[in-house]
Each structure stands twice: as structure tokens, then as C-alpha cells.
Amino acid sequence: MSPPPRNIAIIGAGIGGLLLARILQLQNVSFTVYESDVDAFLRASFGGSLDLKYQTGQRAMYAAGLHAEFLKLARTEGEQSRLLDKTGKIYRDITETGASFYNPEIDRGQLRTLILDSLTPGTVQWGHKAAAVRKDADSGKYTIYFASGVTAENVDIVVGADGAWSQVRPLIWDAKPIYSGITFLETKIDMSKNAHLSAFVGKGTLVALSDGKALMAQLNSTHAILYSALCVPEDWAKTSSVAQAETTAEKLALMPEEFGDWHEELRELIRVGENPTMRPIYALPSDSLPRTKTDNIVLLGDAAHVLSPFGGDGANLAMADAADLAKVLASGQPLERYEKLMRERGNASGRGAARMLEVFFGENAAVVMTRFFDLPWSTAFFLKIRLYFNSLFW
């Protein structure tokens, strides 16, 4: 084995990049995190909630020495999961009890802040958007050029943790995320102002499926997030009447028309929303994750495997990637060892996410999902399902 690299540049301060930094910090490995956001507060409350799976996300939190702190913030109490069709007919209404301990839930912003606060001050260089990476032929080291004109020189290893539209990925892989055919309109719902909808949403996750459309509400610690999902062309997010509406009120008045014959309370979930944001859903081809062709450049999380959010694995995969990569870097093992683990995990999750997308937006989706859950082995699986709809958005 080789000694640990002396200068690692982590591009991206999402959950995966920060967790890698935390574990390397515990191992006294030298690194710097570079993030395009101007500060830590820009996305402090961004995103929905996550269930951390024991074998991926929680394992990584143990490696980071943060599992106990995570449990202080996590929700381990019983949580409700409801499946409906457009008429409001309930196909499944299950409250998770004991199983929730194994996959505790936490708001994404809380998790990111927990990891960030565990790092030595100054570890993250904010306002550093990577523009180019160049390798010196003589020394074998890298120089990173940032949009601001600043450079980072003499870098031994470059880690691309910069999300779905990674600036690092093209250095080792020419694949680009492909539009899935699905676009979300994401809104927040202040449940304190809409108490009449609380019983309808329930105490966890509500999913309504019909006609190749979906409404998915996810209760967080302070509010609910609604994802109104449509099978539409890629340019719908820019050219539709909803997209071109000038005000929030206009957007929220037009969007329910896309769900014209749906149950009134489902349509009302759209109307009472705030901060509408278009989310076209993309994914990288499964079963084709990269092998390093450029020495000492490596990817993790969405930079390596952009999944549609219907598999519920995005953040958990990024965290598992971080733990495995940190172990390889700290011990001086070849990067190929990490990449083998990452590829196997990412390819399997990519296939699962693609299958779930087909079910969600297929014919008689609520009925098909119910039959799936009626399989003898599937009840426990249903209890563990969470739709990590923000997986793509760090």
C-alpha cells in the first residue's frame, strides 16, 4: 500500500463531500473542500427528509463518529405511509413502528448542518466553483481553476462530489444525465396554516398515483413538501403555462388544472403551496458507471450515479461512497477498490429506481403497487420505503 495522499481536493459540499471530509479529518488526512455556494446558509433548509438506511447511510455516520448525534435529531417514532389513487381511495395506510428504528428519518438540512459543524473551521472554501482541472505531465499533480480566477495547485487527488451536473465527471466519463420523462413541481406546505389538510396527508408520506401522474407529500419536522409529478416533454419546465406564469399565485392556480379530475383535497395540496420550483428528473444510464481513465480523479454520490428519486437511495449511496472512499484514501489502497464497490452499489440502485419509475407512472399504478406490496416478503419493504425526492438536487 502507498502512504495516504498529502493534498486531496473535494469538489462539492453536499452531504457526500462533507461526510468524506469528516472521516478524512478523523484519519488526519490532508484535504480541502471547495463549494460553489457562497456560504453554508444558501441551502441550509433545502430539501426533504431522508431515511438513513442501516447498511449505507447509518454505516457512514458510524464511520464519521456522528451516529449518536444523528440519533438525537432523527425521528424514530412510528410513521405513516399512505397510497391513494386520484379519487382519494386509500389502497395502503400503514403506520411503521418497530422497523423505523432501523431507518430513522432526518431532515436533509439538519443532516448536512450536523456534518458541516463537525469539521474544523476553514475546511470548506465557499464561493469556489470549479471551472477546469489540469494535470501537470511532469509532477502528475493537478491544478484546479475556479470561476473566480483563484487556483488550487499541487493537488494529489481530485474528488468530484459536485452533484448531478458535475464539472469533474467529464474528465473521466463522457456520459450525461438523461431526462427521465418526468418533471416535478416542488412546493412547501405550511401545515400550521393548513391544519384541515393534516389528517388527509397523515404523519409521514402520502402518494397518489393515476393516469401517469403522481402527487407525493412528505412531512418534515416543520412543514410538508409536495411533489406534483407529470409525464411531460423536457422543455415543459420552461415552455408550459405553469412555467411561464409570472407569479407564485398564477403557478399554483394553473398547476391543479393538470390534475383536473383528481380528488379536491389532492388538488388543494397544490393550491396551498409556497415557493414553487420546477424539477425535471434526470438519471445517468444504469449499468454503465465509470472506471477511472485519468489517474487520481474519482467521483462519489450524484457525480457518479445520478438516479431518479424513485429508488430512495441517492443520499444513502453518497454517504456509503464517502465512507468507502475515505477508507481507501486513508489506507493508501488503490482507488479501483473503492470504484468497484461504488459501481456495484450504484448499478443495482439504478436498476431498482428505473423499475419503480415505470410502476409509478404506468397503467393502474396504485393497483400494481398494491399487488406488489401484497407479496409475502414485501410488507417489511413497504414500511421502509421513503421517497427521497430531493436526491438529485445537491
Protein backbone atom coordinates (compact mmCIF):
# COMPACT_ATOMS: atom_id res chain seq x y z
CA MET A 1 0.00 0.00 0.00
CA SER A 2 1.05 3.57 -0.63
CA PRO A 3 1.06 6.29 2.03
CA PRO A 4 -2.07 8.47 2.15
CA PRO A 5 -2.10 11.34 -0.38
CA ARG A 6 -0.92 14.65 1.03
CA ASN A 7 -3.33 17.00 -0.71
CA ILE A 8 -6.89 16.00 -1.59
CA ALA A 9 -9.37 18.41 -3.19
CA ILE A 10 -13.03 17.60 -2.62
CA ILE A 11 -15.22 19.46 -5.11
CA GLY A 12 -18.67 19.90 -3.61
CA ALA A 13 -20.00 20.37 -0.07
CA GLY A 14 -23.16 18.32 -0.26
CA ILE A 15 -23.76 15.52 2.20
CA GLY A 16 -21.39 13.11 0.45
CA GLY A 17 -18.49 15.55 0.11
CA LEU A 18 -18.81 16.78 3.69
CA LEU A 19 -19.01 13.27 5.08
CA LEU A 20 -15.87 12.27 3.19
CA ALA A 21 -14.18 15.33 4.68
CA ARG A 22 -15.30 14.42 8.19
CA ILE A 23 -13.94 10.86 8.01
CA LEU A 24 -10.65 12.02 6.46
CA GLN A 25 -10.36 14.59 9.24
CA LEU A 26 -10.62 11.79 11.81
CA GLN A 27 -7.81 9.98 9.95
CA ASN A 28 -5.58 13.10 9.85
CA VAL A 29 -5.53 13.09 6.04
CA SER A 30 -4.91 16.48 4.42
CA PHE A 31 -7.76 17.83 2.27
CA THR A 32 -9.75 20.93 1.33
CA VAL A 33 -13.41 21.15 0.33
CA TYR A 34 -14.35 23.61 -2.44
CA GLU A 35 -18.01 24.62 -2.82
CA SER A 36 -19.65 26.90 -5.37
CA ASP A 37 -22.25 28.21 -2.89
CA VAL A 38 -21.17 31.49 -1.34
CA ASP A 39 -21.85 30.31 2.22
CA ALA A 40 -23.31 27.49 4.29
CA PHE A 41 -26.70 29.14 4.64
CA LEU A 42 -27.79 29.25 1.00
CA ARG A 43 -29.31 25.77 1.20
CA ALA A 44 -29.48 25.25 4.95
CA SER A 45 -33.20 24.43 4.84
CA PHE A 46 -33.16 22.92 1.36
CA GLY A 47 -34.72 19.57 0.61
CA GLY A 48 -36.97 16.99 2.17
CA SER A 49 -36.39 14.33 4.76
CA LEU A 50 -34.25 11.22 4.45
CA ASP A 51 -34.40 7.77 5.97
CA LEU A 52 -30.85 6.68 6.67
CA LYS A 53 -30.54 3.00 5.84
CA TYR A 54 -28.53 0.94 8.27
CA GLN A 55 -26.18 -0.65 5.73
CA THR A 56 -25.37 2.59 3.88
CA GLY A 57 -26.19 5.97 5.46
CA GLN A 58 -26.02 4.86 9.08
CA ARG A 59 -22.86 2.84 8.50
CA ALA A 60 -21.27 6.01 7.16
CA MET A 61 -22.39 8.02 10.20
CA TYR A 62 -20.76 5.43 12.46
CA ALA A 63 -17.54 5.78 10.46
CA ALA A 64 -17.77 9.56 10.91
CA GLY A 65 -18.27 9.25 14.66
CA LEU A 66 -21.59 11.08 14.35
CA HIS A 67 -24.18 8.36 14.74
CA ALA A 68 -25.08 9.28 18.32
CA GLU A 69 -25.51 12.93 17.35
CA PHE A 70 -27.61 11.86 14.38
CA LEU A 71 -29.97 9.88 16.62
CA LYS A 72 -30.54 12.96 18.78
CA LEU A 73 -32.01 14.73 15.73
CA ALA A 74 -33.61 11.76 13.98
CA ARG A 75 -37.25 10.77 14.15
CA THR A 76 -37.54 7.13 15.19
CA GLU A 77 -41.20 7.14 16.15
CA GLY A 78 -43.87 5.43 14.09
CA GLU A 79 -44.55 6.98 10.71
CA GLN A 80 -47.49 6.69 8.36
CA SER A 81 -47.28 5.69 4.70
CA ARG A 82 -50.40 6.11 2.55
CA LEU A 83 -51.09 5.08 -1.04
CA LEU A 84 -54.10 6.52 -2.90
CA ASP A 85 -55.44 6.91 -6.41
CA LYS A 86 -56.79 10.11 -7.93
CA THR A 87 -60.26 9.58 -6.43
CA GLY A 88 -58.85 9.59 -2.91
CA LYS A 89 -59.40 5.85 -2.50
CA ILE A 90 -56.86 4.52 0.01
CA TYR A 91 -55.04 1.36 -1.08
CA ARG A 92 -52.49 1.25 1.72
CA ASP A 93 -52.35 3.02 5.07
CA ILE A 94 -49.63 1.59 7.28
CA THR A 95 -48.01 3.05 10.35
CA GLU A 96 -44.43 2.00 10.80
CA THR A 97 -43.44 1.15 14.36
CA GLY A 98 -40.50 -1.08 15.20
CA ALA A 99 -38.94 -1.00 11.75
CA SER A 100 -38.45 2.76 11.93
CA PHE A 101 -35.62 2.33 14.40
CA TYR A 102 -33.53 0.76 11.64
CA ASN A 103 -34.11 3.61 9.19
CA PRO A 104 -34.51 6.76 11.31
CA GLU A 105 -35.60 9.88 9.47
CA ILE A 106 -33.93 13.28 9.48
CA ASP A 107 -34.38 16.49 7.51
CA ARG A 108 -31.71 16.84 4.85
CA GLY A 109 -30.73 20.31 6.03
CA GLN A 110 -30.27 19.09 9.60
CA LEU A 111 -28.04 16.24 8.46
CA ARG A 112 -25.87 18.50 6.32
CA THR A 113 -25.50 21.02 9.15
CA LEU A 114 -24.58 18.27 11.62
CA ILE A 115 -21.75 17.07 9.39
CA LEU A 116 -20.59 20.57 8.48
CA ASP A 117 -20.42 21.65 12.12
CA SER A 118 -18.16 18.68 12.89
CA LEU A 119 -15.44 19.98 10.55
CA THR A 120 -12.56 22.20 11.55
CA PRO A 121 -13.40 25.85 10.74
CA GLY A 122 -12.00 26.88 7.37
CA THR A 123 -12.16 23.38 5.95
CA VAL A 124 -14.73 24.43 3.34
CA GLN A 125 -13.77 27.14 0.87
CA TRP A 126 -17.06 28.78 -0.10
CA GLY A 127 -17.66 30.57 -3.40
CA HIS A 128 -15.28 28.28 -5.32
CA LYS A 129 -16.95 26.98 -8.47
CA ALA A 130 -14.64 24.61 -10.34
CA ALA A 131 -14.16 25.63 -13.97
CA ALA A 132 -11.31 23.37 -15.13
CA VAL A 133 -8.81 20.79 -13.90
CA ARG A 134 -5.38 20.35 -15.46
CA LYS A 135 -2.72 17.72 -14.81
CA ASP A 136 0.98 18.56 -14.86
CA ALA A 137 2.70 15.96 -17.03
CA ASP A 138 5.95 16.13 -15.08
CA SER A 139 4.75 16.08 -11.48
CA GLY A 140 1.50 14.19 -12.01
CA LYS A 141 -0.26 16.72 -9.78
CA TYR A 142 -3.38 18.70 -10.59
CA THR A 143 -4.27 22.37 -10.70
CA ILE A 144 -7.91 23.33 -10.22
CA TYR A 145 -9.07 26.56 -11.83
CA PHE A 146 -12.08 28.25 -10.26
CA ALA A 147 -14.52 30.64 -11.90
CA SER A 148 -13.35 33.42 -9.59
CA GLY A 149 -9.84 33.23 -11.04
CA VAL A 150 -8.37 31.51 -7.96
CA THR A 151 -6.42 28.26 -8.39
CA ALA A 152 -5.62 25.28 -6.17
CA GLU A 153 -2.23 23.82 -7.06
CA ASN A 154 -0.25 20.66 -6.32
CA VAL A 155 -3.37 18.56 -5.75
CA ASP A 156 -2.70 14.82 -5.46
CA ILE A 157 -6.29 13.56 -5.80
CA VAL A 158 -9.42 15.30 -7.10
CA VAL A 159 -12.75 14.03 -5.75
CA GLY A 160 -15.83 15.03 -7.72
CA ALA A 161 -18.66 15.30 -5.20
CA ASP A 162 -20.34 18.10 -7.12
CA GLY A 163 -23.67 16.57 -7.94
CA ALA A 164 -25.71 15.62 -10.98
CA TRP A 165 -24.16 18.25 -13.25
CA SER A 166 -20.62 17.60 -12.07
CA GLN A 167 -17.77 19.62 -13.54
CA VAL A 168 -15.38 16.82 -12.63
CA ARG A 169 -17.23 13.90 -14.27
CA PRO A 170 -16.31 14.81 -17.89
CA LEU A 171 -12.65 14.33 -17.02
CA ILE A 172 -13.19 10.59 -16.64
CA TRP A 173 -16.56 9.85 -18.24
CA ASP A 174 -18.43 11.41 -21.14
CA ALA A 175 -21.93 10.32 -20.08
CA LYS A 176 -24.52 12.99 -19.30
CA PRO A 177 -27.75 12.67 -17.29
CA ILE A 178 -30.73 11.76 -19.47
CA TYR A 179 -34.18 13.25 -18.97
CA SER A 180 -36.47 10.63 -17.44
CA GLY A 181 -39.68 11.95 -18.98
CA ILE A 182 -40.88 13.16 -15.57
CA THR A 183 -40.96 16.71 -14.20
CA PHE A 184 -41.85 17.71 -10.63
CA LEU A 185 -43.28 20.96 -9.39
CA GLU A 186 -41.96 21.11 -5.83
CA THR A 187 -43.79 23.22 -3.25
CA LYS A 188 -43.70 23.65 0.51
CA ILE A 189 -46.85 23.49 2.60
CA ASP A 190 -47.06 25.27 5.93
CA MET A 191 -49.20 22.77 7.81
CA SER A 192 -49.79 25.21 10.67
CA LYS A 193 -51.74 27.34 8.17
CA ASN A 194 -53.48 24.34 6.62
CA ALA A 195 -54.46 22.23 9.59
CA HIS A 196 -57.53 20.99 7.73
CA LEU A 197 -55.20 19.03 5.41
CA SER A 198 -53.14 17.41 8.17
CA ALA A 199 -55.41 14.41 8.63
CA PHE A 200 -55.52 13.87 4.87
CA VAL A 201 -51.73 13.94 4.49
CA GLY A 202 -51.16 11.84 7.60
CA LYS A 203 -47.99 11.65 9.66
CA GLY A 204 -45.46 10.64 7.08
CA THR A 205 -45.67 10.08 3.34
CA LEU A 206 -48.72 10.28 1.08
CA VAL A 207 -48.54 9.07 -2.52
CA ALA A 208 -51.40 9.37 -5.02
CA LEU A 209 -50.98 7.67 -8.42
CA SER A 210 -53.21 7.71 -11.51
CA ASP A 211 -53.15 8.46 -15.24
CA GLY A 212 -49.36 8.65 -15.48
CA LYS A 213 -49.29 11.39 -12.85
CA ALA A 214 -48.39 11.49 -9.17
CA LEU A 215 -48.80 13.68 -6.11
CA MET A 216 -46.33 12.91 -3.35
CA ALA A 217 -46.40 14.68 0.01
CA GLN A 218 -43.66 14.21 2.57
CA LEU A 219 -43.98 15.51 6.12
CA ASN A 220 -40.82 17.13 7.51
CA SER A 221 -40.13 18.39 11.00
CA THR A 222 -41.58 21.87 10.32
CA HIS A 223 -43.62 21.59 7.11
CA ALA A 224 -44.59 19.29 4.26
CA ILE A 225 -43.08 19.12 0.79
CA LEU A 226 -45.31 18.28 -2.16
CA TYR A 227 -44.07 16.94 -5.47
CA SER A 228 -46.59 17.24 -8.29
CA ALA A 229 -45.24 14.93 -10.99
CA LEU A 230 -46.17 14.78 -14.67
CA CYS A 231 -45.04 12.83 -17.73
CA VAL A 232 -44.17 15.75 -19.99
CA PRO A 233 -41.55 16.77 -22.59
CA GLU A 234 -38.24 18.04 -21.25
CA ASP A 235 -38.95 21.63 -22.25
CA TRP A 236 -42.25 21.70 -20.31
CA ALA A 237 -40.35 23.13 -17.33
CA LYS A 238 -39.60 26.21 -19.46
CA THR A 239 -42.37 26.49 -22.02
CA SER A 240 -45.57 25.43 -20.24
CA SER A 241 -48.11 27.94 -18.98
CA VAL A 242 -47.19 26.93 -15.43
CA ALA A 243 -43.50 27.61 -16.05
CA GLN A 244 -44.15 30.95 -17.73
CA ALA A 245 -46.59 32.22 -15.12
CA GLU A 246 -45.12 35.37 -13.62
CA THR A 247 -46.28 34.97 -10.03
CA THR A 248 -46.44 32.18 -7.49
CA ALA A 249 -50.19 32.61 -7.25
CA GLU A 250 -50.56 32.10 -11.00
CA LYS A 251 -48.38 28.98 -10.98
CA LEU A 252 -50.34 27.47 -8.10
CA ALA A 253 -53.63 28.28 -9.80
CA LEU A 254 -52.58 26.70 -13.12
CA MET A 255 -50.91 23.52 -11.83
CA PRO A 256 -54.09 21.95 -10.38
CA GLU A 257 -55.58 22.09 -13.89
CA GLU A 258 -53.08 19.36 -14.83
CA PHE A 259 -54.88 17.20 -12.25
CA GLY A 260 -58.35 18.28 -13.39
CA ASP A 261 -60.42 15.26 -12.33
CA TRP A 262 -58.46 14.42 -9.18
CA HIS A 263 -59.91 14.46 -5.67
CA GLU A 264 -60.43 18.02 -4.44
CA GLU A 265 -58.20 17.64 -1.38
CA LEU A 266 -55.36 16.39 -3.57
CA ARG A 267 -55.72 19.44 -5.81
CA GLU A 268 -55.86 21.69 -2.77
CA LEU A 269 -52.46 20.43 -1.67
CA ILE A 270 -51.09 22.10 -4.80
CA ARG A 271 -53.01 25.35 -4.36
CA VAL A 272 -51.83 25.98 -0.77
CA GLY A 273 -48.15 25.50 -1.60
CA GLU A 274 -45.34 28.04 -1.41
CA ASN A 275 -42.04 28.57 -3.26
CA PRO A 276 -42.86 26.54 -6.41
CA THR A 277 -39.78 25.11 -8.12
CA MET A 278 -39.59 23.10 -11.34
CA ARG A 279 -37.59 19.86 -11.07
CA PRO A 280 -37.05 17.96 -14.34
CA ILE A 281 -35.86 14.50 -13.29
CA TYR A 282 -32.68 13.12 -14.82
CA ALA A 283 -30.67 9.92 -14.43
CA LEU A 284 -27.40 8.52 -15.69
CA PRO A 285 -27.58 5.21 -17.57
CA SER A 286 -27.52 2.33 -15.10
CA ASP A 287 -25.01 -0.49 -15.55
CA SER A 288 -22.51 1.91 -17.11
CA LEU A 289 -20.82 3.65 -14.20
CA PRO A 290 -17.29 4.85 -14.94
CA ARG A 291 -13.93 3.25 -14.44
CA THR A 292 -11.15 5.73 -13.84
CA LYS A 293 -9.26 6.52 -17.03
CA THR A 294 -7.45 9.50 -15.52
CA ASP A 295 -5.17 8.79 -12.58
CA ASN A 296 -6.30 10.14 -9.21
CA ILE A 297 -9.64 11.64 -10.23
CA VAL A 298 -12.61 9.91 -8.63
CA LEU A 299 -16.35 10.51 -8.24
CA LEU A 300 -18.89 9.96 -5.48
CA GLY A 301 -22.62 10.44 -4.99
CA ASP A 302 -24.66 12.03 -7.77
CA ALA A 303 -21.48 12.93 -9.64
CA ALA A 304 -21.02 9.18 -10.17
CA HIS A 305 -24.56 7.81 -10.25
CA VAL A 306 -27.49 10.15 -10.81
CA LEU A 307 -30.64 8.16 -10.03
CA SER A 308 -34.27 9.02 -10.45
CA PRO A 309 -35.55 9.58 -6.90
CA PHE A 310 -37.97 6.66 -7.01
CA GLY A 311 -35.48 4.20 -5.55
CA GLY A 312 -34.93 6.20 -2.37
CA ASP A 313 -31.16 5.64 -2.42
CA GLY A 314 -29.50 8.88 -3.57
CA ALA A 315 -28.25 10.35 -0.30
CA ASN A 316 -27.61 6.95 1.26
CA LEU A 317 -25.43 5.95 -1.70
CA ALA A 318 -23.46 9.19 -1.47
CA MET A 319 -22.81 8.55 2.22
CA ALA A 320 -21.74 4.95 1.62
CA ASP A 321 -19.45 6.17 -1.18
CA ALA A 322 -17.91 8.68 1.21
CA ALA A 323 -17.21 6.07 3.88
CA ASP A 324 -15.68 3.60 1.43
CA LEU A 325 -13.59 6.22 -0.36
CA ALA A 326 -12.29 7.63 2.93
CA LYS A 327 -11.15 4.16 3.98
CA VAL A 328 -9.32 3.64 0.70
CA LEU A 329 -7.68 7.08 0.75
CA ALA A 330 -6.59 6.87 4.39
CA SER A 331 -5.05 3.43 3.93
CA GLY A 332 -3.36 4.17 0.62
CA GLN A 333 -5.24 1.41 -1.23
CA PRO A 334 -5.81 1.68 -4.99
CA LEU A 335 -8.82 3.78 -5.99
CA GLU A 336 -10.06 0.84 -8.06
CA ARG A 337 -11.05 -0.91 -4.83
CA TYR A 338 -13.44 1.91 -3.97
CA GLU A 339 -14.73 2.20 -7.52
CA LYS A 340 -15.66 -1.49 -7.64
CA LEU A 341 -17.84 -1.09 -4.54
CA MET A 342 -19.33 2.16 -5.82
CA ARG A 343 -20.20 0.69 -9.23
CA GLU A 344 -21.86 -2.41 -7.82
CA ARG A 345 -23.95 -0.35 -5.42
CA GLY A 346 -24.86 2.33 -7.94
CA ASN A 347 -25.75 -0.05 -10.75
CA ALA A 348 -28.08 -2.08 -8.52
CA SER A 349 -29.81 1.03 -7.21
CA GLY A 350 -30.10 2.49 -10.70
CA ARG A 351 -31.92 -0.59 -11.96
CA GLY A 352 -34.28 -0.51 -8.99
CA ALA A 353 -35.02 3.20 -9.39
CA ALA A 354 -35.78 2.75 -13.10
CA ARG A 355 -38.22 -0.08 -12.36
CA MET A 356 -40.02 1.94 -9.68
CA LEU A 357 -40.39 4.91 -12.04
CA GLU A 358 -42.10 2.64 -14.57
CA VAL A 359 -44.52 1.40 -11.91
CA PHE A 360 -45.32 4.88 -10.55
CA PHE A 361 -46.25 6.25 -13.96
CA GLY A 362 -47.58 3.09 -15.56
CA GLU A 363 -51.13 1.90 -16.10
CA ASN A 364 -53.20 1.28 -12.94
CA ALA A 365 -50.23 2.34 -10.83
CA ALA A 366 -51.99 2.26 -7.45
CA VAL A 367 -53.34 -1.23 -8.14
CA VAL A 368 -49.97 -2.51 -9.34
CA MET A 369 -48.21 -1.04 -6.31
CA THR A 370 -50.78 -2.68 -4.02
CA ARG A 371 -50.24 -6.07 -5.64
CA PHE A 372 -46.52 -5.60 -5.26
CA PHE A 373 -46.89 -4.87 -1.56
CA ASP A 374 -49.18 -7.88 -1.13
CA LEU A 375 -46.33 -10.22 -1.99
CA PRO A 376 -45.37 -12.19 1.15
CA TRP A 377 -41.98 -10.54 1.52
CA SER A 378 -42.98 -7.01 0.64
CA THR A 379 -44.75 -5.68 3.73
CA ALA A 380 -41.49 -5.02 5.53
CA PHE A 381 -40.13 -3.42 2.37
CA PHE A 382 -43.16 -1.13 2.20
CA LEU A 383 -42.52 0.00 5.75
CA LYS A 384 -39.01 1.04 4.78
CA ILE A 385 -39.90 2.91 1.57
CA ARG A 386 -39.32 6.64 1.64
CA LEU A 387 -39.34 8.72 -1.48
CA TYR A 388 -36.14 10.70 -1.25
CA PHE A 389 -37.39 13.09 -3.91
CA ASN A 390 -34.51 15.61 -3.39
CA SER A 391 -31.78 13.07 -4.02
CA LEU A 392 -30.77 14.78 -7.21
CA PHE A 393 -30.70 18.32 -6.03
CA TRP A 394 -27.46 18.85 -4.12
